[in-house]
Amino acid sequence: MSETPALRDQIQAVINEKPVVLFMKGTADAPACGFSARTVAALRTLGQTFTAVNVLPDPSIRQELSAISGWPTIPQLFVRGELVGGCDIVMEMMESGDLERMLGVEGSEPVEGQVAATPAAAPLAIENRLG
């Protein structure tokens, strides 16, 4: 029996259970690509806490995530179980104010280049036991 469905179930459970989840390259404190770094900065600028999942340690996480979301690139932001999109979409929503409204943080006034002091949730490691 393949453990791929188990991994997919774990990923889906994280998406369903955590209010804001960012699947990214690296960790929130050490993003491993510019797109992930920009997305983390946008969330922190708004003071939004989130769960970060590093997809780099196990390629099957990324594969299963893309199968769930239908989105091929990383990062992928989910809010209340729904895919928001990748970095470009998050940046567009940030500029328009839509991201604030979606997250329920309207009224915050981010300063360009400023990162909120609110720490992100500890990165979540999805354990893959594929042999």
C-alpha atoms as a PDB file:
ATOM      1  CA  MET A   1       0.000   0.000   0.000  1.00  0.00           C
ATOM      2  CA  SER A   2       1.369   3.388  -0.984  1.00  0.00           C
ATOM      3  CA  GLU A   3       1.840   6.098   1.655  1.00  0.00           C
ATOM      4  CA  THR A   4       1.118   8.843  -0.897  1.00  0.00           C
ATOM      5  CA  PRO A   5      -2.565   9.038   0.152  1.00  0.00           C
ATOM      6  CA  ALA A   6      -1.430   9.350   3.794  1.00  0.00           C
ATOM      7  CA  LEU A   7       0.870  12.255   2.898  1.00  0.00           C
ATOM      8  CA  ARG A   8      -1.883  13.891   0.855  1.00  0.00           C
ATOM      9  CA  ASP A   9      -4.239  13.484   3.829  1.00  0.00           C
ATOM     10  CA  GLN A  10      -1.657  15.100   6.142  1.00  0.00           C
ATOM     11  CA  ILE A  11      -1.256  18.072   3.807  1.00  0.00           C
ATOM     12  CA  GLN A  12      -5.023  18.449   3.432  1.00  0.00           C
ATOM     13  CA  ALA A  13      -5.431  18.294   7.227  1.00  0.00           C
ATOM     14  CA  VAL A  14      -2.942  21.140   7.668  1.00  0.00           C
ATOM     15  CA  ILE A  15      -4.772  23.213   5.036  1.00  0.00           C
ATOM     16  CA  ASN A  16      -8.124  22.536   6.716  1.00  0.00           C
ATOM     17  CA  GLU A  17      -7.006  22.989  10.335  1.00  0.00           C
ATOM     18  CA  LYS A  18      -4.725  26.030  10.176  1.00  0.00           C
ATOM     19  CA  PRO A  19      -6.325  29.411   9.447  1.00  0.00           C
ATOM     20  CA  VAL A  20      -3.378  30.688   7.380  1.00  0.00           C
ATOM     21  CA  VAL A  21      -0.848  28.294   5.845  1.00  0.00           C
ATOM     22  CA  LEU A  22       2.074  29.139   3.613  1.00  0.00           C
ATOM     23  CA  PHE A  23       3.744  26.280   1.765  1.00  0.00           C
ATOM     24  CA  MET A  24       7.139  27.712   0.905  1.00  0.00           C
ATOM     25  CA  LYS A  25      10.763  27.047   0.087  1.00  0.00           C
ATOM     26  CA  GLY A  26      12.648  27.347   3.354  1.00  0.00           C
ATOM     27  CA  THR A  27      11.249  28.534   6.657  1.00  0.00           C
ATOM     28  CA  ALA A  28       9.537  31.765   7.660  1.00  0.00           C
ATOM     29  CA  ASP A  29      12.748  32.892   9.366  1.00  0.00           C
ATOM     30  CA  ALA A  30      15.001  31.726   6.521  1.00  0.00           C
ATOM     31  CA  PRO A  31      13.166  31.692   3.178  1.00  0.00           C
ATOM     32  CA  ALA A  32      15.117  29.842   0.485  1.00  0.00           C
ATOM     33  CA  CYS A  33      13.793  31.838  -2.490  1.00  0.00           C
ATOM     34  CA  GLY A  34      12.797  35.405  -3.213  1.00  0.00           C
ATOM     35  CA  PHE A  35       9.150  34.576  -3.896  1.00  0.00           C
ATOM     36  CA  SER A  36       8.784  32.865  -0.526  1.00  0.00           C
ATOM     37  CA  ALA A  37      10.593  35.764   1.168  1.00  0.00           C
ATOM     38  CA  ARG A  38       8.258  38.332  -0.411  1.00  0.00           C
ATOM     39  CA  THR A  39       5.177  36.374   0.629  1.00  0.00           C
ATOM     40  CA  VAL A  40       6.425  36.012   4.220  1.00  0.00           C
ATOM     41  CA  ALA A  41       7.206  39.750   4.306  1.00  0.00           C
ATOM     42  CA  ALA A  42       3.677  40.593   3.110  1.00  0.00           C
ATOM     43  CA  LEU A  43       2.084  38.480   5.836  1.00  0.00           C
ATOM     44  CA  ARG A  44       4.370  39.869   8.519  1.00  0.00           C
ATOM     45  CA  THR A  45       3.819  43.444   7.356  1.00  0.00           C
ATOM     46  CA  LEU A  46       0.122  42.893   8.050  1.00  0.00           C
ATOM     47  CA  GLY A  47       0.944  41.344  11.443  1.00  0.00           C
ATOM     48  CA  GLN A  48      -0.568  38.038  10.339  1.00  0.00           C
ATOM     49  CA  THR A  49       0.559  34.885  12.098  1.00  0.00           C
ATOM     50  CA  PHE A  50       0.709  31.820   9.897  1.00  0.00           C
ATOM     51  CA  THR A  51       1.860  28.256   9.699  1.00  0.00           C
ATOM     52  CA  ALA A  52       4.831  27.753   7.398  1.00  0.00           C
ATOM     53  CA  VAL A  53       5.513  24.421   5.711  1.00  0.00           C
ATOM     54  CA  ASN A  54       8.911  23.960   4.088  1.00  0.00           C
ATOM     55  CA  VAL A  55       8.516  21.907   0.895  1.00  0.00           C
ATOM     56  CA  LEU A  56      12.262  21.497   0.257  1.00  0.00           C
ATOM     57  CA  PRO A  57      13.136  18.539   2.524  1.00  0.00           C
ATOM     58  CA  ASP A  58      10.799  16.178   0.689  1.00  0.00           C
ATOM     59  CA  PRO A  59       9.901  16.567  -3.020  1.00  0.00           C
ATOM     60  CA  SER A  60       6.784  14.454  -2.538  1.00  0.00           C
ATOM     61  CA  ILE A  61       5.263  17.216  -0.347  1.00  0.00           C
ATOM     62  CA  ARG A  62       5.418  19.607  -3.275  1.00  0.00           C
ATOM     63  CA  GLN A  63       4.043  16.983  -5.662  1.00  0.00           C
ATOM     64  CA  GLU A  64       1.105  16.128  -3.405  1.00  0.00           C
ATOM     65  CA  LEU A  65       0.428  19.790  -2.643  1.00  0.00           C
ATOM     66  CA  SER A  66       0.194  20.603  -6.353  1.00  0.00           C
ATOM     67  CA  ALA A  67      -2.153  17.642  -6.828  1.00  0.00           C
ATOM     68  CA  ILE A  68      -4.419  19.042  -4.088  1.00  0.00           C
ATOM     69  CA  SER A  69      -4.322  22.695  -5.131  1.00  0.00           C
ATOM     70  CA  GLY A  70      -3.930  22.446  -8.888  1.00  0.00           C
ATOM     71  CA  TRP A  71      -1.275  25.170  -8.543  1.00  0.00           C
ATOM     72  CA  PRO A  72       2.169  24.245  -9.903  1.00  0.00           C
ATOM     73  CA  THR A  73       4.441  26.794  -8.216  1.00  0.00           C
ATOM     74  CA  ILE A  74       5.692  27.522  -4.702  1.00  0.00           C
ATOM     75  CA  PRO A  75       4.892  29.421  -2.531  1.00  0.00           C
ATOM     76  CA  GLN A  76       1.207  28.656  -2.076  1.00  0.00           C
ATOM     77  CA  LEU A  77      -0.870  30.582   0.445  1.00  0.00           C
ATOM     78  CA  PHE A  78      -4.063  29.116   1.893  1.00  0.00           C
ATOM     79  CA  VAL A  79      -6.508  31.107   4.018  1.00  0.00           C
ATOM     80  CA  ARG A  80      -9.265  29.237   5.850  1.00  0.00           C
ATOM     81  CA  GLY A  81      -8.763  26.182   3.642  1.00  0.00           C
ATOM     82  CA  GLU A  82      -8.886  28.050   0.336  1.00  0.00           C
ATOM     83  CA  LEU A  83      -5.964  28.571  -2.031  1.00  0.00           C
ATOM     84  CA  VAL A  84      -5.185  32.270  -2.402  1.00  0.00           C
ATOM     85  CA  GLY A  85      -2.321  31.748  -4.844  1.00  0.00           C
ATOM     86  CA  GLY A  86       1.369  32.373  -5.169  1.00  0.00           C
ATOM     87  CA  CYS A  87       3.626  35.339  -4.619  1.00  0.00           C
ATOM     88  CA  ASP A  88       2.390  37.489  -7.514  1.00  0.00           C
ATOM     89  CA  ILE A  89      -1.243  37.138  -6.483  1.00  0.00           C
ATOM     90  CA  VAL A  90      -0.412  37.825  -2.827  1.00  0.00           C
ATOM     91  CA  MET A  91       1.524  40.962  -3.848  1.00  0.00           C
ATOM     92  CA  GLU A  92      -1.360  42.200  -6.029  1.00  0.00           C
ATOM     93  CA  MET A  93      -3.824  41.577  -3.204  1.00  0.00           C
ATOM     94  CA  MET A  94      -1.519  43.366  -0.761  1.00  0.00           C
ATOM     95  CA  GLU A  95      -1.353  46.439  -2.993  1.00  0.00           C
ATOM     96  CA  SER A  96      -5.137  46.548  -3.519  1.00  0.00           C
ATOM     97  CA  GLY A  97      -6.013  45.956   0.141  1.00  0.00           C
ATOM     98  CA  ASP A  98      -7.760  42.680  -0.696  1.00  0.00           C
ATOM     99  CA  LEU A  99      -5.268  40.647   1.342  1.00  0.00           C
ATOM    100  CA  GLU A 100      -6.017  42.702   4.470  1.00  0.00           C
ATOM    101  CA  ARG A 101      -9.738  42.190   3.970  1.00  0.00           C
ATOM    102  CA  MET A 102      -9.345  38.455   3.349  1.00  0.00           C
ATOM    103  CA  LEU A 103      -7.235  38.052   6.473  1.00  0.00           C
ATOM    104  CA  GLY A 104      -9.514  40.276   8.532  1.00  0.00           C
ATOM    105  CA  VAL A 105      -6.776  42.760   9.409  1.00  0.00           C
ATOM    106  CA  GLU A 106      -8.384  45.823   7.822  1.00  0.00           C
ATOM    107  CA  GLY A 107      -7.313  49.108   9.241  1.00  0.00           C
ATOM    108  CA  SER A 108      -3.665  48.196   9.640  1.00  0.00           C
ATOM    109  CA  GLU A 109      -1.383  50.692   8.008  1.00  0.00           C
ATOM    110  CA  PRO A 110       1.777  48.935   6.895  1.00  0.00           C
ATOM    111  CA  VAL A 111       4.816  51.035   6.167  1.00  0.00           C
ATOM    112  CA  GLU A 112       6.657  50.030   3.032  1.00  0.00           C
ATOM    113  CA  GLY A 113       9.633  47.860   3.885  1.00  0.00           C
ATOM    114  CA  GLN A 114       8.556  47.464   7.527  1.00  0.00           C
ATOM    115  CA  VAL A 115       8.089  43.962   8.885  1.00  0.00           C
ATOM    116  CA  ALA A 116       5.645  43.425  11.731  1.00  0.00           C
ATOM    117  CA  ALA A 117       7.123  42.296  15.014  1.00  0.00           C
ATOM    118  CA  THR A 118       4.590  39.476  15.343  1.00  0.00           C
ATOM    119  CA  PRO A 119       6.536  36.239  15.015  1.00  0.00           C
ATOM    120  CA  ALA A 120       5.274  33.602  12.631  1.00  0.00           C
ATOM    121  CA  ALA A 121       4.126  30.283  13.948  1.00  0.00           C
ATOM    122  CA  ALA A 122       6.838  27.670  14.182  1.00  0.00           C
ATOM    123  CA  PRO A 123       7.362  25.914  10.856  1.00  0.00           C
ATOM    124  CA  LEU A 124       5.371  22.738  10.541  1.00  0.00           C
ATOM    125  CA  ALA A 125       7.272  19.690   9.401  1.00  0.00           C
ATOM    126  CA  ILE A 126       5.179  17.100   7.637  1.00  0.00           C
ATOM    127  CA  GLU A 127       6.878  13.836   8.206  1.00  0.00           C
ATOM    128  CA  ASN A 128       7.116  11.616   5.177  1.00  0.00           C
ATOM    129  CA  ARG A 129       7.707   7.987   5.939  1.00  0.00           C
ATOM    130  CA  LEU A 130       8.075   6.816   2.377  1.00  0.00           C
ATOM    131  CA  GLY A 131      10.824   4.295   2.131  1.00  0.00           C
END
